C-alpha atoms as a PDB file:
ATOM      1  CA  MET A   1      -0.059  -0.026   0.070  1.00  0.00           C
ATOM      2  CA  THR A   2       1.481   3.388  -1.065  1.00  0.00           C
ATOM      3  CA  PRO A   3       1.901   6.243   1.618  1.00  0.00           C
ATOM      4  CA  GLN A   4      -0.992   8.079  -0.378  1.00  0.00           C
ATOM      5  CA  ALA A   5      -3.204   4.971  -0.238  1.00  0.00           C
ATOM      6  CA  ARG A   6      -2.504   5.351   3.704  1.00  0.00           C
ATOM      7  CA  GLY A   7      -3.056   8.767   4.018  1.00  0.00           C
ATOM      8  CA  LEU A   8       0.529   9.581   4.672  1.00  0.00           C
ATOM      9  CA  TRP A   9       1.165  11.914   2.360  1.00  0.00           C
ATOM     10  CA  PRO A  10       5.088  13.095   1.921  1.00  0.00           C
ATOM     11  CA  LYS A  11       5.234  16.597   3.467  1.00  0.00           C
ATOM     12  CA  SER A  12       6.664  18.308   0.408  1.00  0.00           C
ATOM     13  CA  GLU A  13       3.684  16.963  -1.898  1.00  0.00           C
ATOM     14  CA  LEU A  14       1.006  18.331   0.878  1.00  0.00           C
ATOM     15  CA  ALA A  15       2.945  21.559   1.147  1.00  0.00           C
ATOM     16  CA  LYS A  16       2.643  21.777  -2.841  1.00  0.00           C
ATOM     17  CA  ARG A  17      -0.976  21.022  -2.753  1.00  0.00           C
ATOM     18  CA  VAL A  18      -1.738  23.602   0.189  1.00  0.00           C
ATOM     19  CA  LEU A  19       0.104  26.048  -1.695  1.00  0.00           C
ATOM     20  CA  SER A  20      -1.416  25.567  -4.923  1.00  0.00           C
ATOM     21  CA  SER A  21      -4.816  25.490  -3.566  1.00  0.00           C
ATOM     22  CA  LEU A  22      -4.325  28.799  -1.708  1.00  0.00           C
ATOM     23  CA  ALA A  23      -3.114  30.668  -4.758  1.00  0.00           C
ATOM     24  CA  LEU A  24      -5.826  29.265  -6.688  1.00  0.00           C
ATOM     25  CA  ALA A  25      -8.573  30.414  -3.923  1.00  0.00           C
ATOM     26  CA  ALA A  26      -7.101  33.897  -4.032  1.00  0.00           C
ATOM     27  CA  PHE A  27      -7.434  34.047  -7.721  1.00  0.00           C
ATOM     28  CA  ALA A  28     -10.935  32.842  -7.560  1.00  0.00           C
ATOM     29  CA  PHE A  29     -12.038  35.349  -4.828  1.00  0.00           C
ATOM     30  CA  ILE A  30     -10.583  38.357  -6.719  1.00  0.00           C
ATOM     31  CA  SER A  31     -12.584  37.150  -9.621  1.00  0.00           C
ATOM     32  CA  VAL A  32     -15.866  36.856  -8.108  1.00  0.00           C
ATOM     33  CA  TRP A  33     -15.337  39.977  -5.908  1.00  0.00           C
ATOM     34  CA  TYR A  34     -14.888  42.106  -8.954  1.00  0.00           C
ATOM     35  CA  GLY A  35     -16.853  40.312 -11.146  1.00  0.00           C
ATOM     36  CA  ASP A  36     -17.876  41.297 -14.882  1.00  0.00           C
ATOM     37  CA  VAL A  37     -14.642  41.648 -17.021  1.00  0.00           C
ATOM     38  CA  VAL A  38     -12.075  40.408 -14.232  1.00  0.00           C
ATOM     39  CA  PHE A  39     -14.356  37.275 -13.610  1.00  0.00           C
ATOM     40  CA  ALA A  40     -14.524  36.846 -17.524  1.00  0.00           C
ATOM     41  CA  VAL A  41     -10.819  36.978 -17.923  1.00  0.00           C
ATOM     42  CA  ILE A  42      -9.460  35.020 -14.968  1.00  0.00           C
ATOM     43  CA  TRP A  43     -12.086  32.190 -15.721  1.00  0.00           C
ATOM     44  CA  GLY A  44     -11.833  32.623 -19.302  1.00  0.00           C
ATOM     45  CA  VAL A  45      -8.012  31.630 -19.041  1.00  0.00           C
ATOM     46  CA  ALA A  46      -9.090  28.639 -17.012  1.00  0.00           C
ATOM     47  CA  ALA A  47     -11.346  27.316 -19.491  1.00  0.00           C
ATOM     48  CA  LEU A  48      -8.915  27.763 -22.466  1.00  0.00           C
ATOM     49  CA  ALA A  49      -6.278  25.826 -20.295  1.00  0.00           C
ATOM     50  CA  VAL A  50      -8.968  23.132 -19.706  1.00  0.00           C
ATOM     51  CA  TRP A  51      -9.700  22.862 -23.593  1.00  0.00           C
ATOM     52  CA  ARG A  52      -6.159  22.539 -24.244  1.00  0.00           C
ATOM     53  CA  GLU A  53      -5.569  19.759 -21.700  1.00  0.00           C
ATOM     54  CA  TRP A  54      -8.747  18.045 -23.140  1.00  0.00           C
ATOM     55  CA  ALA A  55      -7.695  18.161 -26.509  1.00  0.00           C
ATOM     56  CA  THR A  56      -4.285  16.623 -25.703  1.00  0.00           C
ATOM     57  CA  ILE A  57      -5.795  13.792 -23.516  1.00  0.00           C
ATOM     58  CA  ILE A  58      -8.293  12.410 -26.529  1.00  0.00           C
ATOM     59  CA  GLY A  59      -5.032  12.354 -28.679  1.00  0.00           C
ATOM     60  CA  LEU A  60      -5.538  15.679 -30.666  1.00  0.00           C
ATOM     61  CA  ASP A  61      -3.197  18.400 -31.264  1.00  0.00           C
ATOM     62  CA  GLY A  62      -3.512  20.470 -28.061  1.00  0.00           C
ATOM     63  CA  ARG A  63      -0.494  22.975 -28.479  1.00  0.00           C
ATOM     64  CA  TRP A  64      -1.243  26.643 -28.272  1.00  0.00           C
ATOM     65  CA  SER A  65      -0.384  27.241 -32.050  1.00  0.00           C
ATOM     66  CA  SER A  66      -2.366  24.426 -33.359  1.00  0.00           C
ATOM     67  CA  PRO A  67      -5.779  24.722 -35.418  1.00  0.00           C
ATOM     68  CA  VAL A  68      -7.678  22.559 -33.033  1.00  0.00           C
ATOM     69  CA  PHE A  69      -6.828  24.576 -29.739  1.00  0.00           C
ATOM     70  CA  TRP A  70      -7.831  27.887 -32.031  1.00  0.00           C
ATOM     71  CA  ILE A  71     -11.031  26.547 -33.173  1.00  0.00           C
ATOM     72  CA  GLY A  72     -12.021  25.409 -29.753  1.00  0.00           C
ATOM     73  CA  SER A  73     -10.971  28.778 -27.893  1.00  0.00           C
ATOM     74  CA  VAL A  74     -13.069  30.784 -30.497  1.00  0.00           C
ATOM     75  CA  GLY A  75     -16.069  28.889 -29.837  1.00  0.00           C
ATOM     76  CA  ILE A  76     -15.203  29.114 -25.895  1.00  0.00           C
ATOM     77  CA  VAL A  77     -14.423  33.078 -26.083  1.00  0.00           C
ATOM     78  CA  SER A  78     -17.603  33.768 -28.172  1.00  0.00           C
ATOM     79  CA  SER A  79     -19.674  32.067 -25.845  1.00  0.00           C
ATOM     80  CA  ALA A  80     -18.172  33.941 -22.958  1.00  0.00           C
ATOM     81  CA  ALA A  81     -18.532  37.200 -24.640  1.00  0.00           C
ATOM     82  CA  ALA A  82     -22.542  36.582 -25.712  1.00  0.00           C
ATOM     83  CA  SER A  83     -23.164  36.153 -22.322  1.00  0.00           C
ATOM     84  CA  PHE A  84     -22.483  39.998 -21.676  1.00  0.00           C
ATOM     85  CA  PHE A  85     -25.515  40.598 -23.906  1.00  0.00           C
ATOM     86  CA  ALA A  86     -28.846  40.859 -23.060  1.00  0.00           C
ATOM     87  CA  LEU A  87     -30.127  37.417 -24.463  1.00  0.00           C
ATOM     88  CA  PRO A  88     -33.671  36.392 -24.414  1.00  0.00           C
ATOM     89  CA  PHE A  89     -32.445  32.622 -23.541  1.00  0.00           C
ATOM     90  CA  VAL A  90     -29.117  32.614 -21.716  1.00  0.00           C
ATOM     91  CA  TRP A  91     -28.790  29.236 -23.369  1.00  0.00           C
ATOM     92  CA  LEU A  92     -27.975  30.887 -26.570  1.00  0.00           C
ATOM     93  CA  ALA A  93     -24.751  31.548 -25.168  1.00  0.00           C
ATOM     94  CA  PHE A  94     -23.715  27.974 -25.698  1.00  0.00           C
ATOM     95  CA  VAL A  95     -24.293  27.986 -29.212  1.00  0.00           C
ATOM     96  CA  PRO A  96     -20.725  29.139 -30.397  1.00  0.00           C
ATOM     97  CA  ALA A  97     -18.968  26.616 -28.472  1.00  0.00           C
ATOM     98  CA  ALA A  98     -21.353  24.335 -29.730  1.00  0.00           C
ATOM     99  CA  LEU A  99     -20.639  25.061 -33.207  1.00  0.00           C
ATOM    100  CA  ALA A 100     -16.766  24.760 -32.457  1.00  0.00           C
ATOM    101  CA  GLY A 101     -17.480  21.390 -31.417  1.00  0.00           C
ATOM    102  CA  VAL A 102     -19.315  20.369 -34.485  1.00  0.00           C
ATOM    103  CA  VAL A 103     -16.608  21.632 -36.539  1.00  0.00           C
ATOM    104  CA  LEU A 104     -13.860  19.766 -34.544  1.00  0.00           C
ATOM    105  CA  ALA A 105     -16.260  16.525 -34.577  1.00  0.00           C
ATOM    106  CA  ILE A 106     -16.494  16.635 -38.244  1.00  0.00           C
ATOM    107  CA  TRP A 107     -12.544  17.647 -38.864  1.00  0.00           C
ATOM    108  CA  CYS A 108     -11.349  15.081 -36.330  1.00  0.00           C
ATOM    109  CA  SER A 109     -13.362  12.118 -37.025  1.00  0.00           C
ATOM    110  CA  PRO A 110     -12.034   8.749 -36.842  1.00  0.00           C
ATOM    111  CA  PRO A 111      -9.372   7.235 -37.227  1.00  0.00           C
ATOM    112  CA  LYS A 112      -8.154  10.385 -35.174  1.00  0.00           C
ATOM    113  CA  THR A 113     -10.683  10.054 -32.351  1.00  0.00           C
ATOM    114  CA  ASN A 114     -14.414   9.077 -31.464  1.00  0.00           C
ATOM    115  CA  TRP A 115     -16.317  12.464 -32.685  1.00  0.00           C
ATOM    116  CA  LEU A 116     -18.058  12.613 -29.393  1.00  0.00           C
ATOM    117  CA  TRP A 117     -14.808  13.811 -27.727  1.00  0.00           C
ATOM    118  CA  PRO A 118     -14.044  16.813 -29.861  1.00  0.00           C
ATOM    119  CA  LEU A 119     -17.492  17.661 -29.790  1.00  0.00           C
ATOM    120  CA  ALA A 120     -17.885  17.677 -26.064  1.00  0.00           C
ATOM    121  CA  GLY A 121     -14.614  19.482 -25.466  1.00  0.00           C
ATOM    122  CA  PRO A 122     -15.491  23.317 -25.762  1.00  0.00           C
ATOM    123  CA  LEU A 123     -18.717  22.788 -24.108  1.00  0.00           C
ATOM    124  CA  TYR A 124     -17.009  21.077 -21.288  1.00  0.00           C
ATOM    125  CA  ALA A 125     -14.328  24.109 -21.109  1.00  0.00           C
ATOM    126  CA  VAL A 126     -17.119  26.720 -21.502  1.00  0.00           C
ATOM    127  CA  ALA A 127     -18.987  25.539 -18.615  1.00  0.00           C
ATOM    128  CA  ILE A 128     -16.370  26.641 -16.524  1.00  0.00           C
ATOM    129  CA  ILE A 129     -17.257  30.329 -17.239  1.00  0.00           C
ATOM    130  CA  LEU A 130     -20.475  30.643 -18.811  1.00  0.00           C
ATOM    131  CA  GLY A 131     -23.045  29.734 -16.086  1.00  0.00           C
ATOM    132  CA  PRO A 132     -20.888  31.286 -13.092  1.00  0.00           C
ATOM    133  CA  LEU A 133     -20.375  34.486 -14.949  1.00  0.00           C
ATOM    134  CA  VAL A 134     -24.508  34.929 -15.620  1.00  0.00           C
ATOM    135  CA  LEU A 135     -24.836  33.990 -11.993  1.00  0.00           C
ATOM    136  CA  ARG A 136     -22.485  36.582 -10.601  1.00  0.00           C
ATOM    137  CA  GLY A 137     -24.192  39.191 -12.895  1.00  0.00           C
ATOM    138  CA  ARG A 138     -27.192  38.908 -10.643  1.00  0.00           C
ATOM    139  CA  SER A 139     -27.473  42.294  -8.823  1.00  0.00           C
ATOM    140  CA  ASP A 140     -28.779  40.914  -5.475  1.00  0.00           C
ATOM    141  CA  ASP A 141     -27.528  37.802  -4.998  1.00  0.00           C
ATOM    142  CA  GLY A 142     -24.952  36.970  -7.427  1.00  0.00           C
ATOM    143  CA  LEU A 143     -21.890  37.294  -5.189  1.00  0.00           C
ATOM    144  CA  MET A 144     -23.196  35.114  -2.348  1.00  0.00           C
ATOM    145  CA  ILE A 145     -24.285  32.287  -4.950  1.00  0.00           C
ATOM    146  CA  VAL A 146     -20.982  32.288  -6.473  1.00  0.00           C
ATOM    147  CA  VAL A 147     -19.117  32.169  -3.376  1.00  0.00           C
ATOM    148  CA  TRP A 148     -21.701  29.147  -1.847  1.00  0.00           C
ATOM    149  CA  LEU A 149     -20.688  27.167  -5.233  1.00  0.00           C
ATOM    150  CA  PHE A 150     -17.016  27.777  -4.422  1.00  0.00           C
ATOM    151  CA  LEU A 151     -17.694  26.618  -0.996  1.00  0.00           C
ATOM    152  CA  VAL A 152     -19.573  23.212  -1.963  1.00  0.00           C
ATOM    153  CA  VAL A 153     -16.837  22.353  -4.623  1.00  0.00           C
ATOM    154  CA  TRP A 154     -13.878  23.033  -2.013  1.00  0.00           C
ATOM    155  CA  ILE A 155     -15.242  21.916   1.223  1.00  0.00           C
ATOM    156  CA  SER A 156     -16.704  18.642  -0.604  1.00  0.00           C
ATOM    157  CA  ASP A 157     -12.918  18.038  -1.580  1.00  0.00           C
ATOM    158  CA  ILE A 158     -11.453  18.873   1.687  1.00  0.00           C
ATOM    159  CA  GLY A 159     -13.784  16.628   3.515  1.00  0.00           C
ATOM    160  CA  ALA A 160     -13.655  13.993   1.085  1.00  0.00           C
ATOM    161  CA  PHE A 161      -9.901  14.014   1.649  1.00  0.00           C
ATOM    162  CA  PHE A 162      -9.627  14.090   5.351  1.00  0.00           C
ATOM    163  CA  ALA A 163     -12.581  11.621   5.765  1.00  0.00           C
ATOM    164  CA  GLY A 164     -10.988   9.026   3.458  1.00  0.00           C
ATOM    165  CA  ARG A 165      -7.429   9.471   5.143  1.00  0.00           C
ATOM    166  CA  THR A 166      -8.591   9.354   8.652  1.00  0.00           C
ATOM    167  CA  ILE A 167     -11.635   6.520   8.447  1.00  0.00           C
ATOM    168  CA  GLY A 168     -10.593   4.656   5.038  1.00  0.00           C
ATOM    169  CA  GLY A 169     -12.553   1.526   4.382  1.00  0.00           C
ATOM    170  CA  PRO A 170     -14.168   0.227   1.382  1.00  0.00           C
ATOM    171  CA  LYS A 171     -13.463   1.778  -2.225  1.00  0.00           C
ATOM    172  CA  LEU A 172     -15.880   3.658  -3.855  1.00  0.00           C
ATOM    173  CA  TRP A 173     -15.026   2.715  -7.641  1.00  0.00           C
ATOM    174  CA  PRO A 174     -11.895   0.932  -7.616  1.00  0.00           C
ATOM    175  CA  SER A 175     -11.904   0.108 -11.271  1.00  0.00           C
ATOM    176  CA  ILE A 176     -12.385   4.027 -11.929  1.00  0.00           C
ATOM    177  CA  SER A 177     -10.486   5.883  -9.092  1.00  0.00           C
ATOM    178  CA  PRO A 178      -8.479   3.538  -6.645  1.00  0.00           C
ATOM    179  CA  LYS A 179      -7.928   5.855  -3.896  1.00  0.00           C
ATOM    180  CA  LYS A 180     -11.570   7.129  -3.442  1.00  0.00           C
ATOM    181  CA  THR A 181     -13.290   5.682  -0.349  1.00  0.00           C
ATOM    182  CA  TRP A 182     -17.034   5.567   0.593  1.00  0.00           C
ATOM    183  CA  SER A 183     -16.141   7.249   3.911  1.00  0.00           C
ATOM    184  CA  GLY A 184     -14.580  10.067   2.076  1.00  0.00           C
ATOM    185  CA  SER A 185     -17.539  10.444  -0.390  1.00  0.00           C
ATOM    186  CA  ILE A 186     -19.853  10.842   2.186  1.00  0.00           C
ATOM    187  CA  GLY A 187     -17.676  12.841   4.488  1.00  0.00           C
ATOM    188  CA  GLY A 188     -17.361  15.046   1.495  1.00  0.00           C
ATOM    189  CA  LEU A 189     -20.845  15.321   0.846  1.00  0.00           C
ATOM    190  CA  LEU A 190     -21.759  15.972   4.488  1.00  0.00           C
ATOM    191  CA  ALA A 191     -19.231  18.840   4.963  1.00  0.00           C
ATOM    192  CA  GLY A 192     -19.759  20.330   1.288  1.00  0.00           C
ATOM    193  CA  THR A 193     -23.507  20.525   2.378  1.00  0.00           C
ATOM    194  CA  LEU A 194     -23.229  21.845   6.153  1.00  0.00           C
ATOM    195  CA  VAL A 195     -20.641  24.467   5.428  1.00  0.00           C
ATOM    196  CA  PRO A 196     -22.239  26.362   2.644  1.00  0.00           C
ATOM    197  CA  VAL A 197     -25.591  25.786   3.914  1.00  0.00           C
ATOM    198  CA  GLY A 198     -24.055  27.750   7.138  1.00  0.00           C
ATOM    199  CA  PHE A 199     -22.736  30.360   4.963  1.00  0.00           C
ATOM    200  CA  VAL A 200     -25.721  31.403   3.160  1.00  0.00           C
ATOM    201  CA  LEU A 201     -27.906  31.338   6.032  1.00  0.00           C
ATOM    202  CA  ALA A 202     -25.316  33.858   8.094  1.00  0.00           C
ATOM    203  CA  MET A 203     -25.121  35.868   4.897  1.00  0.00           C
ATOM    204  CA  GLN A 204     -28.734  36.021   4.901  1.00  0.00           C
ATOM    205  CA  ALA A 205     -29.176  36.834   8.563  1.00  0.00           C
ATOM    206  CA  GLN A 206     -26.183  39.362   8.723  1.00  0.00           C
ATOM    207  CA  PHE A 207     -26.987  41.152   5.365  1.00  0.00           C
ATOM    208  CA  GLY A 208     -30.623  40.418   4.528  1.00  0.00           C
ATOM    209  CA  VAL A 209     -29.707  38.703   0.963  1.00  0.00           C
ATOM    210  CA  VAL A 210     -32.827  36.988  -0.060  1.00  0.00           C
ATOM    211  CA  TRP A 211     -32.464  33.660  -1.850  1.00  0.00           C
ATOM    212  CA  LEU A 212     -32.969  30.034  -0.797  1.00  0.00           C
ATOM    213  CA  THR A 213     -33.641  28.846   2.769  1.00  0.00           C
ATOM    214  CA  GLY A 214     -34.686  25.728   4.590  1.00  0.00           C
ATOM    215  CA  GLY A 215     -35.211  22.537   2.676  1.00  0.00           C
ATOM    216  CA  PRO A 216     -34.617  23.964  -0.777  1.00  0.00           C
ATOM    217  CA  LEU A 217     -31.484  25.485   0.206  1.00  0.00           C
ATOM    218  CA  PHE A 218     -30.329  22.109   1.646  1.00  0.00           C
ATOM    219  CA  ALA A 219     -31.385  19.938  -1.238  1.00  0.00           C
ATOM    220  CA  LEU A 220     -29.953  22.227  -3.797  1.00  0.00           C
ATOM    221  CA  THR A 221     -26.668  22.209  -1.974  1.00  0.00           C
ATOM    222  CA  LEU A 222     -26.530  18.263  -1.278  1.00  0.00           C
ATOM    223  CA  LEU A 223     -27.354  17.798  -5.188  1.00  0.00           C
ATOM    224  CA  THR A 224     -24.535  20.345  -6.263  1.00  0.00           C
ATOM    225  CA  ALA A 225     -22.235  18.479  -3.842  1.00  0.00           C
ATOM    226  CA  ILE A 226     -23.091  15.055  -5.406  1.00  0.00           C
ATOM    227  CA  MET A 227     -22.804  16.655  -9.021  1.00  0.00           C
ATOM    228  CA  ALA A 228     -19.165  17.827  -7.660  1.00  0.00           C
ATOM    229  CA  GLU A 229     -18.200  14.565  -6.631  1.00  0.00           C
ATOM    230  CA  GLY A 230     -19.400  13.021  -9.688  1.00  0.00           C
ATOM    231  CA  GLY A 231     -17.424  15.357 -12.002  1.00  0.00           C
ATOM    232  CA  ASP A 232     -14.349  14.271 -10.206  1.00  0.00           C
ATOM    233  CA  LEU A 233     -15.276  10.395 -11.083  1.00  0.00           C
ATOM    234  CA  PHE A 234     -15.914  11.583 -14.804  1.00  0.00           C
ATOM    235  CA  GLU A 235     -12.733  13.082 -15.117  1.00  0.00           C
ATOM    236  CA  SER A 236     -11.153   9.954 -13.418  1.00  0.00           C
ATOM    237  CA  ALA A 237     -12.780   7.772 -15.875  1.00  0.00           C
ATOM    238  CA  MET A 238     -11.610   9.968 -19.007  1.00  0.00           C
ATOM    239  CA  LYS A 239      -8.174   9.629 -17.980  1.00  0.00           C
ATOM    240  CA  ARG A 240      -8.444   6.097 -17.649  1.00  0.00           C
ATOM    241  CA  ARG A 241     -10.106   5.809 -20.860  1.00  0.00           C
ATOM    242  CA  PHE A 242      -7.139   7.543 -22.478  1.00  0.00           C
ATOM    243  CA  SER A 243      -4.476   6.148 -20.351  1.00  0.00           C
ATOM    244  CA  VAL A 244      -3.555   9.391 -18.776  1.00  0.00           C
ATOM    245  CA  LYS A 245      -2.677   9.895 -15.010  1.00  0.00           C
ATOM    246  CA  ASP A 246      -2.709  13.537 -15.061  1.00  0.00           C
ATOM    247  CA  SER A 247      -4.420  16.221 -17.339  1.00  0.00           C
ATOM    248  CA  GLY A 248      -1.234  18.143 -17.227  1.00  0.00           C
ATOM    249  CA  ASP A 249       1.567  19.751 -14.948  1.00  0.00           C
ATOM    250  CA  LEU A 250       0.357  22.948 -15.092  1.00  0.00           C
ATOM    251  CA  ILE A 251      -0.538  23.257 -11.212  1.00  0.00           C
ATOM    252  CA  PRO A 252       2.216  21.921  -8.622  1.00  0.00           C
ATOM    253  CA  GLY A 253       0.775  19.085  -6.520  1.00  0.00           C
ATOM    254  CA  HIS A 254      -2.265  18.883  -8.568  1.00  0.00           C
ATOM    255  CA  GLY A 255      -1.645  18.021 -12.131  1.00  0.00           C
ATOM    256  CA  GLY A 256      -3.396  20.178 -14.755  1.00  0.00           C
ATOM    257  CA  MET A 257      -6.197  22.817 -14.860  1.00  0.00           C
ATOM    258  CA  MET A 258      -8.675  19.837 -15.431  1.00  0.00           C
ATOM    259  CA  ASP A 259      -7.653  18.112 -12.252  1.00  0.00           C
ATOM    260  CA  ARG A 260      -8.195  21.197 -10.211  1.00  0.00           C
ATOM    261  CA  LEU A 261     -11.667  22.002 -11.990  1.00  0.00           C
ATOM    262  CA  ASP A 262     -13.302  18.662 -12.576  1.00  0.00           C
ATOM    263  CA  SER A 263     -15.597  18.950  -9.656  1.00  0.00           C
ATOM    264  CA  TYR A 264     -16.350  22.653 -10.287  1.00  0.00           C
ATOM    265  CA  VAL A 265     -17.320  22.043 -14.309  1.00  0.00           C
ATOM    266  CA  ALA A 266     -19.919  19.745 -12.918  1.00  0.00           C
ATOM    267  CA  ALA A 267     -21.481  21.577  -9.931  1.00  0.00           C
ATOM    268  CA  ALA A 268     -21.272  24.874 -11.991  1.00  0.00           C
ATOM    269  CA  LEU A 269     -23.234  23.441 -14.899  1.00  0.00           C
ATOM    270  CA  PHE A 270     -25.501  22.013 -12.657  1.00  0.00           C
ATOM    271  CA  VAL A 271     -26.497  25.051 -10.415  1.00  0.00           C
ATOM    272  CA  PHE A 272     -26.680  26.875 -13.689  1.00  0.00           C
ATOM    273  CA  MET A 273     -29.307  24.640 -15.208  1.00  0.00           C
ATOM    274  CA  ALA A 274     -31.145  24.400 -11.717  1.00  0.00           C
ATOM    275  CA  ILE A 275     -31.573  28.057 -11.201  1.00  0.00           C
ATOM    276  CA  GLU A 276     -32.364  28.816 -14.772  1.00  0.00           C
ATOM    277  CA  CYS A 277     -34.870  26.302 -15.091  1.00  0.00           C
ATOM    278  CA  LEU A 278     -36.476  26.390 -11.690  1.00  0.00           C
ATOM    279  CA  GLY A 279     -36.408  30.181 -11.788  1.00  0.00           C
ATOM    280  CA  ILE A 280     -34.646  30.548  -8.129  1.00  0.00           C
END
């Protein structure tokens, strides 16, 4: 059994993870505090980095200068720009990224790769920015909602890490992610639900921000935490499908940008869909 499997992370590795996480958290809070263009630029860069890693993982040319990268990037940036306009349906902002995916699916069809992967890549990457950008633009509660979303993802990950390391026990899905345990998953869900719910209730009590409360808030937070864990498992399954250990080496102690944002992509897309469909 490896030191990581026993929860005994080398100090140097743990230090890298902690420092990298703090740096990323600082950028995230700066983006959400200022919103608008600052938010779009910071998360737009992250989306482009994720798209580059996605293309590389599936066996396409992910270099910054490659046509594959630029076709997807144009779609992602166009979708982000479209979200700034008063669209009658915010879903229309996804269209440029979808069109870029269609072009790539046709161009990069077998034998290069299955058409579904290049089709989905720009949509996956743009989910990092599009939903949260629209949510942050809400005048009354946008700041609180995006911080709540960050907390769900971060606290779920932290809770899962420490619960799994402390308790251990049966593996959650060994063929997909050998290190994850049921205890870690449950601990992550509990922490990723209770802490963000407490944050929203505190904000509402202190500043009078009106959003969700009670059962609906708890249910949405729990479902978002589940989706965050599902996003992590999806990326693990994708990397196993293409025999890749990490999506990249951009972030010390974490791997690539996809490795850091896999949970966030799924959670952000789910929250955006839930809020837009339910009108909350």
